[in-house]
Amino acid sequence: MKTKLLCGLLILSASFVQAQTLKFGLNAGYQPFEFKNSDNDIVGFDIDIAKSICADLKLTCEFVDQAFDSLIPNLRLKRFDAIISAMDITKERAKNVSFSDSYYKNAALFIAPKGKFKLISDLNGKKIGVQNGTTHQKYMNDVFKDANINAYPQFPSAIIDMANGRVDAVFGDDSTLAEYLKNDANLEIVEHSITDPAYFGAGFGIAVRLDDKEMLDKINQSLKNINENGTYKTIYTTWFGKRD
């Protein structure tokens, strides 16, 4: 009887701990959204948003770092509860996951060494670096038919290859590329940003499993709460400065 009681208590204890944790999948190589600092801690805009959601729900946040293109498959396999990883809301992804309300509006940019390209059309037939599994990769495949697309598991690898001349330009989110532009005076934006609504217009969302409506509702309510109580504004200002 004591053994059965002990086993029952252990099972209940494990279930309680699991229920008190909200586990997010992400790819920690995409500054300023999610990246590792000098202490090897995962930090960034998305991390602060996730932590504020956990605080609102009175849960403990846990983060699982892995390749971007494996996030949706592993979410569906229940290896974590949600994805927060600068993920664009798209119709194609929405066939496999449910998205929260948008928490960040984004655009895309090409960057390249200064003076190399004047127009975006000049990039046709050139080697372009993107992160594997992203909307940027899909956009390039769909729109730039003649481009030679190099897809990388980690976004910084594309930047390194551009510096070493292995790709001609890199395509990614404007806020992420702004970090590289700020730190390297030899880089510049090619022509203008891209806001094609079919790929980038809906913004970033937090993904959950299609059948997890309870989690989706909780996350959406928390996003609403942190907007109303000023937490979102504080986080945004920390990472991007004052909002327009």
C-alpha atoms as a PDB file:
ATOM      1  CA  MET A   1       0.000   0.000   0.000  1.00  0.00           C
ATOM      2  CA  LYS A   2       2.809   2.423   0.924  1.00  0.00           C
ATOM      3  CA  THR A   3       4.593   1.643  -2.339  1.00  0.00           C
ATOM      4  CA  LYS A   4       1.443   2.336  -4.366  1.00  0.00           C
ATOM      5  CA  LEU A   5       0.840   5.559  -2.447  1.00  0.00           C
ATOM      6  CA  LEU A   6       4.432   6.708  -3.021  1.00  0.00           C
ATOM      7  CA  CYS A   7       4.218   5.941  -6.748  1.00  0.00           C
ATOM      8  CA  GLY A   8       0.963   7.850  -6.966  1.00  0.00           C
ATOM      9  CA  LEU A   9       2.473  10.873  -5.230  1.00  0.00           C
ATOM     10  CA  LEU A  10       5.501  10.821  -7.532  1.00  0.00           C
ATOM     11  CA  ILE A  11       3.273  10.734 -10.620  1.00  0.00           C
ATOM     12  CA  LEU A  12       1.167  13.606  -9.295  1.00  0.00           C
ATOM     13  CA  SER A  13       4.306  15.569  -8.422  1.00  0.00           C
ATOM     14  CA  ALA A  14       5.772  15.088 -11.924  1.00  0.00           C
ATOM     15  CA  SER A  15       2.472  16.091 -13.529  1.00  0.00           C
ATOM     16  CA  PHE A  16       2.275  19.196 -11.335  1.00  0.00           C
ATOM     17  CA  VAL A  17       5.809  20.292 -12.266  1.00  0.00           C
ATOM     18  CA  GLN A  18       5.089  19.693 -15.954  1.00  0.00           C
ATOM     19  CA  ALA A  19       1.838  21.658 -15.734  1.00  0.00           C
ATOM     20  CA  GLN A  20       3.671  24.617 -14.162  1.00  0.00           C
ATOM     21  CA  THR A  21       6.153  24.918 -17.051  1.00  0.00           C
ATOM     22  CA  LEU A  22       5.574  26.483 -20.459  1.00  0.00           C
ATOM     23  CA  LYS A  23       8.166  25.114 -22.863  1.00  0.00           C
ATOM     24  CA  PHE A  24       9.059  27.192 -25.939  1.00  0.00           C
ATOM     25  CA  GLY A  25      10.981  25.955 -28.972  1.00  0.00           C
ATOM     26  CA  LEU A  26      13.265  28.442 -30.742  1.00  0.00           C
ATOM     27  CA  ASN A  27      16.438  28.878 -32.761  1.00  0.00           C
ATOM     28  CA  ALA A  28      18.876  30.992 -30.750  1.00  0.00           C
ATOM     29  CA  GLY A  29      20.880  32.448 -33.616  1.00  0.00           C
ATOM     30  CA  TYR A  30      18.716  35.371 -34.657  1.00  0.00           C
ATOM     31  CA  GLN A  31      19.679  38.584 -32.908  1.00  0.00           C
ATOM     32  CA  PRO A  32      17.932  40.601 -31.499  1.00  0.00           C
ATOM     33  CA  PHE A  33      15.008  38.176 -31.227  1.00  0.00           C
ATOM     34  CA  GLU A  34      16.729  35.123 -29.728  1.00  0.00           C
ATOM     35  CA  PHE A  35      20.466  34.635 -29.329  1.00  0.00           C
ATOM     36  CA  LYS A  36      23.101  33.601 -26.803  1.00  0.00           C
ATOM     37  CA  ASN A  37      24.943  36.316 -24.896  1.00  0.00           C
ATOM     38  CA  SER A  38      28.531  36.199 -23.626  1.00  0.00           C
ATOM     39  CA  ASP A  39      27.395  34.078 -20.665  1.00  0.00           C
ATOM     40  CA  ASN A  40      25.758  31.588 -23.064  1.00  0.00           C
ATOM     41  CA  ASP A  41      22.298  32.569 -21.808  1.00  0.00           C
ATOM     42  CA  ILE A  42      19.496  32.764 -24.370  1.00  0.00           C
ATOM     43  CA  VAL A  43      18.258  36.356 -24.488  1.00  0.00           C
ATOM     44  CA  GLY A  44      16.395  38.653 -26.864  1.00  0.00           C
ATOM     45  CA  PHE A  45      13.110  40.342 -27.665  1.00  0.00           C
ATOM     46  CA  ASP A  46      11.246  37.051 -28.112  1.00  0.00           C
ATOM     47  CA  ILE A  47      12.679  35.718 -24.862  1.00  0.00           C
ATOM     48  CA  ASP A  48      11.408  38.726 -22.928  1.00  0.00           C
ATOM     49  CA  ILE A  49       7.988  38.394 -24.576  1.00  0.00           C
ATOM     50  CA  ALA A  50       7.879  34.693 -23.656  1.00  0.00           C
ATOM     51  CA  LYS A  51       8.915  35.406 -20.064  1.00  0.00           C
ATOM     52  CA  SER A  52       6.243  38.083 -19.747  1.00  0.00           C
ATOM     53  CA  ILE A  53       3.638  35.584 -20.987  1.00  0.00           C
ATOM     54  CA  CYS A  54       4.855  33.024 -18.448  1.00  0.00           C
ATOM     55  CA  ALA A  55       4.703  35.631 -15.682  1.00  0.00           C
ATOM     56  CA  ASP A  56       1.164  36.570 -16.694  1.00  0.00           C
ATOM     57  CA  LEU A  57       0.132  32.901 -16.649  1.00  0.00           C
ATOM     58  CA  LYS A  58       2.098  32.255 -13.426  1.00  0.00           C
ATOM     59  CA  LEU A  59       4.183  29.594 -15.163  1.00  0.00           C
ATOM     60  CA  THR A  60       7.914  28.920 -15.462  1.00  0.00           C
ATOM     61  CA  CYS A  61       9.448  29.410 -18.910  1.00  0.00           C
ATOM     62  CA  GLU A  62      11.696  26.785 -20.439  1.00  0.00           C
ATOM     63  CA  PHE A  63      13.475  27.215 -23.782  1.00  0.00           C
ATOM     64  CA  VAL A  64      14.524  24.495 -26.230  1.00  0.00           C
ATOM     65  CA  ASP A  65      17.114  25.599 -28.801  1.00  0.00           C
ATOM     66  CA  GLN A  66      17.215  23.762 -32.130  1.00  0.00           C
ATOM     67  CA  ALA A  67      17.386  24.262 -35.899  1.00  0.00           C
ATOM     68  CA  PHE A  68      14.662  26.542 -37.228  1.00  0.00           C
ATOM     69  CA  ASP A  69      13.411  24.065 -39.826  1.00  0.00           C
ATOM     70  CA  SER A  70      12.830  21.414 -37.129  1.00  0.00           C
ATOM     71  CA  LEU A  71      10.670  23.618 -34.895  1.00  0.00           C
ATOM     72  CA  ILE A  72       7.249  22.904 -36.404  1.00  0.00           C
ATOM     73  CA  PRO A  73       7.832  19.127 -36.754  1.00  0.00           C
ATOM     74  CA  ASN A  74       8.983  18.903 -33.124  1.00  0.00           C
ATOM     75  CA  LEU A  75       6.093  21.044 -31.888  1.00  0.00           C
ATOM     76  CA  ARG A  76       3.726  18.579 -33.541  1.00  0.00           C
ATOM     77  CA  LEU A  77       5.613  15.746 -31.808  1.00  0.00           C
ATOM     78  CA  LYS A  78       4.910  17.520 -28.470  1.00  0.00           C
ATOM     79  CA  ARG A  79       8.563  18.133 -27.611  1.00  0.00           C
ATOM     80  CA  PHE A  80       7.543  21.615 -26.466  1.00  0.00           C
ATOM     81  CA  ASP A  81       4.314  23.578 -26.028  1.00  0.00           C
ATOM     82  CA  ALA A  82       4.823  26.516 -28.378  1.00  0.00           C
ATOM     83  CA  ILE A  83       7.275  28.163 -30.772  1.00  0.00           C
ATOM     84  CA  ILE A  84       8.538  31.709 -30.358  1.00  0.00           C
ATOM     85  CA  SER A  85      11.302  32.284 -32.890  1.00  0.00           C
ATOM     86  CA  ALA A  86      10.665  35.340 -35.090  1.00  0.00           C
ATOM     87  CA  MET A  87       8.296  33.140 -37.090  1.00  0.00           C
ATOM     88  CA  ASP A  88       6.242  34.780 -39.831  1.00  0.00           C
ATOM     89  CA  ILE A  89       2.535  33.997 -39.838  1.00  0.00           C
ATOM     90  CA  THR A  90       1.787  32.428 -43.228  1.00  0.00           C
ATOM     91  CA  LYS A  91      -1.085  30.450 -44.731  1.00  0.00           C
ATOM     92  CA  GLU A  92       1.244  27.563 -45.514  1.00  0.00           C
ATOM     93  CA  ARG A  93       2.475  27.235 -41.918  1.00  0.00           C
ATOM     94  CA  ALA A  94      -1.075  27.651 -40.623  1.00  0.00           C
ATOM     95  CA  LYS A  95      -1.918  24.300 -42.214  1.00  0.00           C
ATOM     96  CA  ASN A  96       0.284  22.652 -39.570  1.00  0.00           C
ATOM     97  CA  VAL A  97       0.123  24.993 -36.554  1.00  0.00           C
ATOM     98  CA  SER A  98      -2.160  27.620 -35.047  1.00  0.00           C
ATOM     99  CA  PHE A  99      -0.740  31.117 -34.664  1.00  0.00           C
ATOM    100  CA  SER A 100      -1.325  33.627 -31.927  1.00  0.00           C
ATOM    101  CA  ASP A 101      -2.181  37.214 -32.673  1.00  0.00           C
ATOM    102  CA  SER A 102       0.779  39.002 -34.228  1.00  0.00           C
ATOM    103  CA  TYR A 103       3.203  40.397 -31.653  1.00  0.00           C
ATOM    104  CA  TYR A 104       5.696  42.047 -34.035  1.00  0.00           C
ATOM    105  CA  LYS A 105       5.330  43.646 -37.474  1.00  0.00           C
ATOM    106  CA  ASN A 106       8.285  42.987 -39.729  1.00  0.00           C
ATOM    107  CA  ALA A 107       9.779  43.612 -43.148  1.00  0.00           C
ATOM    108  CA  ALA A 108      12.632  41.957 -45.027  1.00  0.00           C
ATOM    109  CA  LEU A 109      15.899  43.314 -46.407  1.00  0.00           C
ATOM    110  CA  PHE A 110      18.786  42.356 -48.621  1.00  0.00           C
ATOM    111  CA  ILE A 111      22.185  43.484 -47.377  1.00  0.00           C
ATOM    112  CA  ALA A 112      25.466  43.296 -49.267  1.00  0.00           C
ATOM    113  CA  PRO A 113      28.964  44.797 -49.267  1.00  0.00           C
ATOM    114  CA  LYS A 114      28.838  48.533 -50.012  1.00  0.00           C
ATOM    115  CA  GLY A 115      28.748  49.467 -53.672  1.00  0.00           C
ATOM    116  CA  LYS A 116      28.224  45.923 -54.931  1.00  0.00           C
ATOM    117  CA  PHE A 117      24.544  46.224 -55.899  1.00  0.00           C
ATOM    118  CA  LYS A 118      22.303  49.212 -56.541  1.00  0.00           C
ATOM    119  CA  LEU A 119      18.961  47.542 -57.278  1.00  0.00           C
ATOM    120  CA  ILE A 120      17.250  44.414 -55.966  1.00  0.00           C
ATOM    121  CA  SER A 121      16.911  43.276 -59.579  1.00  0.00           C
ATOM    122  CA  ASP A 122      20.732  43.214 -59.745  1.00  0.00           C
ATOM    123  CA  LEU A 123      20.617  40.188 -57.422  1.00  0.00           C
ATOM    124  CA  ASN A 124      19.129  37.892 -60.065  1.00  0.00           C
ATOM    125  CA  GLY A 125      21.580  35.092 -60.762  1.00  0.00           C
ATOM    126  CA  LYS A 126      23.682  35.930 -57.680  1.00  0.00           C
ATOM    127  CA  LYS A 127      24.412  33.815 -54.614  1.00  0.00           C
ATOM    128  CA  ILE A 128      22.030  34.785 -51.804  1.00  0.00           C
ATOM    129  CA  GLY A 129      22.310  33.550 -48.216  1.00  0.00           C
ATOM    130  CA  VAL A 130      19.164  32.796 -46.186  1.00  0.00           C
ATOM    131  CA  GLN A 131      18.298  30.743 -43.123  1.00  0.00           C
ATOM    132  CA  ASN A 132      16.936  27.289 -43.882  1.00  0.00           C
ATOM    133  CA  GLY A 133      13.199  26.758 -43.389  1.00  0.00           C
ATOM    134  CA  THR A 134      12.342  30.465 -43.228  1.00  0.00           C
ATOM    135  CA  THR A 135       9.874  32.605 -45.125  1.00  0.00           C
ATOM    136  CA  HIS A 136      12.895  34.325 -46.668  1.00  0.00           C
ATOM    137  CA  GLN A 137      13.976  31.056 -48.247  1.00  0.00           C
ATOM    138  CA  LYS A 138      10.474  30.469 -49.635  1.00  0.00           C
ATOM    139  CA  TYR A 139      10.293  34.023 -50.984  1.00  0.00           C
ATOM    140  CA  MET A 140      13.593  33.559 -52.784  1.00  0.00           C
ATOM    141  CA  ASN A 141      12.501  30.215 -54.239  1.00  0.00           C
ATOM    142  CA  ASP A 142       9.193  31.680 -55.432  1.00  0.00           C
ATOM    143  CA  VAL A 143      10.273  35.121 -56.648  1.00  0.00           C
ATOM    144  CA  PHE A 144      13.978  34.944 -57.537  1.00  0.00           C
ATOM    145  CA  LYS A 145      13.900  32.006 -59.917  1.00  0.00           C
ATOM    146  CA  ASP A 146      17.412  32.654 -61.231  1.00  0.00           C
ATOM    147  CA  ALA A 147      19.101  33.224 -57.877  1.00  0.00           C
ATOM    148  CA  ASN A 148      21.579  30.739 -56.452  1.00  0.00           C
ATOM    149  CA  ILE A 149      20.179  30.282 -52.941  1.00  0.00           C
ATOM    150  CA  ASN A 150      22.435  29.112 -50.114  1.00  0.00           C
ATOM    151  CA  ALA A 151      20.392  28.017 -47.074  1.00  0.00           C
ATOM    152  CA  TYR A 152      22.058  27.855 -43.641  1.00  0.00           C
ATOM    153  CA  PRO A 153      20.922  26.110 -40.424  1.00  0.00           C
ATOM    154  CA  GLN A 154      22.137  29.160 -38.447  1.00  0.00           C
ATOM    155  CA  PHE A 155      21.670  32.699 -39.768  1.00  0.00           C
ATOM    156  CA  PRO A 156      25.095  34.047 -38.645  1.00  0.00           C
ATOM    157  CA  SER A 157      26.748  31.512 -40.968  1.00  0.00           C
ATOM    158  CA  ALA A 158      25.236  33.344 -43.946  1.00  0.00           C
ATOM    159  CA  ILE A 159      26.771  36.615 -42.745  1.00  0.00           C
ATOM    160  CA  ILE A 160      30.172  34.956 -42.310  1.00  0.00           C
ATOM    161  CA  ASP A 161      30.028  33.492 -45.812  1.00  0.00           C
ATOM    162  CA  MET A 162      29.140  36.905 -47.252  1.00  0.00           C
ATOM    163  CA  ALA A 163      32.164  38.425 -45.502  1.00  0.00           C
ATOM    164  CA  ASN A 164      34.323  35.685 -47.031  1.00  0.00           C
ATOM    165  CA  GLY A 165      32.867  36.146 -50.525  1.00  0.00           C
ATOM    166  CA  ARG A 166      31.043  32.819 -50.669  1.00  0.00           C
ATOM    167  CA  VAL A 167      27.650  34.532 -51.091  1.00  0.00           C
ATOM    168  CA  ASP A 168      26.964  37.919 -52.671  1.00  0.00           C
ATOM    169  CA  ALA A 169      24.159  39.105 -50.378  1.00  0.00           C
ATOM    170  CA  VAL A 170      22.043  37.990 -47.421  1.00  0.00           C
ATOM    171  CA  PHE A 171      18.256  38.167 -47.090  1.00  0.00           C
ATOM    172  CA  GLY A 172      16.525  38.345 -43.696  1.00  0.00           C
ATOM    173  CA  ASP A 173      14.371  40.348 -41.289  1.00  0.00           C
ATOM    174  CA  ASP A 174      15.034  44.072 -41.101  1.00  0.00           C
ATOM    175  CA  SER A 175      15.605  44.207 -37.333  1.00  0.00           C
ATOM    176  CA  THR A 176      18.090  41.332 -37.412  1.00  0.00           C
ATOM    177  CA  LEU A 177      20.038  42.759 -40.341  1.00  0.00           C
ATOM    178  CA  ALA A 178      20.031  46.186 -38.679  1.00  0.00           C
ATOM    179  CA  GLU A 179      22.298  44.685 -35.997  1.00  0.00           C
ATOM    180  CA  TYR A 180      24.854  43.677 -38.624  1.00  0.00           C
ATOM    181  CA  LEU A 181      24.599  47.016 -40.440  1.00  0.00           C
ATOM    182  CA  LYS A 182      25.200  48.834 -37.158  1.00  0.00           C
ATOM    183  CA  ASN A 183      28.348  46.831 -36.464  1.00  0.00           C
ATOM    184  CA  ASP A 184      29.858  46.755 -39.960  1.00  0.00           C
ATOM    185  CA  ALA A 185      30.256  49.996 -41.924  1.00  0.00           C
ATOM    186  CA  ASN A 186      31.159  48.005 -45.041  1.00  0.00           C
ATOM    187  CA  LEU A 187      27.606  46.655 -45.405  1.00  0.00           C
ATOM    188  CA  GLU A 188      24.532  48.392 -46.802  1.00  0.00           C
ATOM    189  CA  ILE A 189      20.873  47.783 -47.669  1.00  0.00           C
ATOM    190  CA  VAL A 190      20.194  46.886 -51.285  1.00  0.00           C
ATOM    191  CA  GLU A 191      17.612  49.411 -52.535  1.00  0.00           C
ATOM    192  CA  HIS A 192      14.651  49.091 -50.104  1.00  0.00           C
ATOM    193  CA  SER A 193      12.785  46.824 -47.690  1.00  0.00           C
ATOM    194  CA  ILE A 194      10.307  44.166 -48.852  1.00  0.00           C
ATOM    195  CA  THR A 195       6.848  43.944 -47.290  1.00  0.00           C
ATOM    196  CA  ASP A 196       5.120  41.501 -49.634  1.00  0.00           C
ATOM    197  CA  PRO A 197       1.949  40.610 -47.648  1.00  0.00           C
ATOM    198  CA  ALA A 198       1.941  37.065 -48.998  1.00  0.00           C
ATOM    199  CA  TYR A 199       5.187  36.415 -47.114  1.00  0.00           C
ATOM    200  CA  PHE A 200       5.868  39.083 -44.487  1.00  0.00           C
ATOM    201  CA  GLY A 201       2.780  41.251 -44.009  1.00  0.00           C
ATOM    202  CA  ALA A 202       1.088  39.353 -41.171  1.00  0.00           C
ATOM    203  CA  GLY A 203       3.990  39.748 -38.731  1.00  0.00           C
ATOM    204  CA  PHE A 204       5.433  37.290 -36.205  1.00  0.00           C
ATOM    205  CA  GLY A 205       3.241  34.909 -34.251  1.00  0.00           C
ATOM    206  CA  ILE A 206       3.645  32.306 -31.522  1.00  0.00           C
ATOM    207  CA  ALA A 207       2.835  28.844 -32.887  1.00  0.00           C
ATOM    208  CA  VAL A 208       0.991  26.095 -31.007  1.00  0.00           C
ATOM    209  CA  ARG A 209      -0.395  22.734 -32.084  1.00  0.00           C
ATOM    210  CA  LEU A 210      -3.568  22.861 -34.168  1.00  0.00           C
ATOM    211  CA  ASP A 211      -5.583  21.039 -31.507  1.00  0.00           C
ATOM    212  CA  ASP A 212      -4.307  23.126 -28.571  1.00  0.00           C
ATOM    213  CA  LYS A 213      -6.976  25.837 -28.503  1.00  0.00           C
ATOM    214  CA  GLU A 214      -6.647  26.204 -24.735  1.00  0.00           C
ATOM    215  CA  MET A 215      -2.972  27.154 -25.026  1.00  0.00           C
ATOM    216  CA  LEU A 216      -3.684  29.481 -27.957  1.00  0.00           C
ATOM    217  CA  ASP A 217      -6.395  31.306 -26.012  1.00  0.00           C
ATOM    218  CA  LYS A 218      -4.123  31.688 -22.973  1.00  0.00           C
ATOM    219  CA  ILE A 219      -1.252  33.080 -25.044  1.00  0.00           C
ATOM    220  CA  ASN A 220      -3.513  35.519 -26.885  1.00  0.00           C
ATOM    221  CA  GLN A 221      -4.984  36.738 -23.600  1.00  0.00           C
ATOM    222  CA  SER A 222      -1.495  37.201 -22.159  1.00  0.00           C
ATOM    223  CA  LEU A 223      -0.368  39.128 -25.247  1.00  0.00           C
ATOM    224  CA  LYS A 224      -3.377  41.388 -24.775  1.00  0.00           C
ATOM    225  CA  ASN A 225      -2.583  41.807 -21.080  1.00  0.00           C
ATOM    226  CA  ILE A 226       1.074  42.756 -21.601  1.00  0.00           C
ATOM    227  CA  ASN A 227       0.047  45.283 -24.243  1.00  0.00           C
ATOM    228  CA  GLU A 228      -2.502  46.861 -21.932  1.00  0.00           C
ATOM    229  CA  ASN A 229      -0.272  46.992 -18.840  1.00  0.00           C
ATOM    230  CA  GLY A 230       2.725  48.523 -20.630  1.00  0.00           C
ATOM    231  CA  THR A 231       5.012  45.487 -20.455  1.00  0.00           C
ATOM    232  CA  TYR A 232       5.151  45.086 -24.234  1.00  0.00           C
ATOM    233  CA  LYS A 233       6.102  48.738 -24.724  1.00  0.00           C
ATOM    234  CA  THR A 234       8.932  48.401 -22.199  1.00  0.00           C
ATOM    235  CA  ILE A 235      10.290  45.267 -23.895  1.00  0.00           C
ATOM    236  CA  TYR A 236      10.020  46.813 -27.363  1.00  0.00           C
ATOM    237  CA  THR A 237      11.839  49.970 -26.266  1.00  0.00           C
ATOM    238  CA  THR A 238      14.604  47.899 -24.669  1.00  0.00           C
ATOM    239  CA  TRP A 239      15.396  46.127 -27.928  1.00  0.00           C
ATOM    240  CA  PHE A 240      14.354  48.556 -30.675  1.00  0.00           C
ATOM    241  CA  GLY A 241      14.030  52.013 -29.144  1.00  0.00           C
ATOM    242  CA  LYS A 242      10.849  54.087 -29.159  1.00  0.00           C
ATOM    243  CA  ARG A 243       7.969  52.856 -31.280  1.00  0.00           C
ATOM    244  CA  ASP A 244       6.883  54.950 -34.266  1.00  0.00           C
END
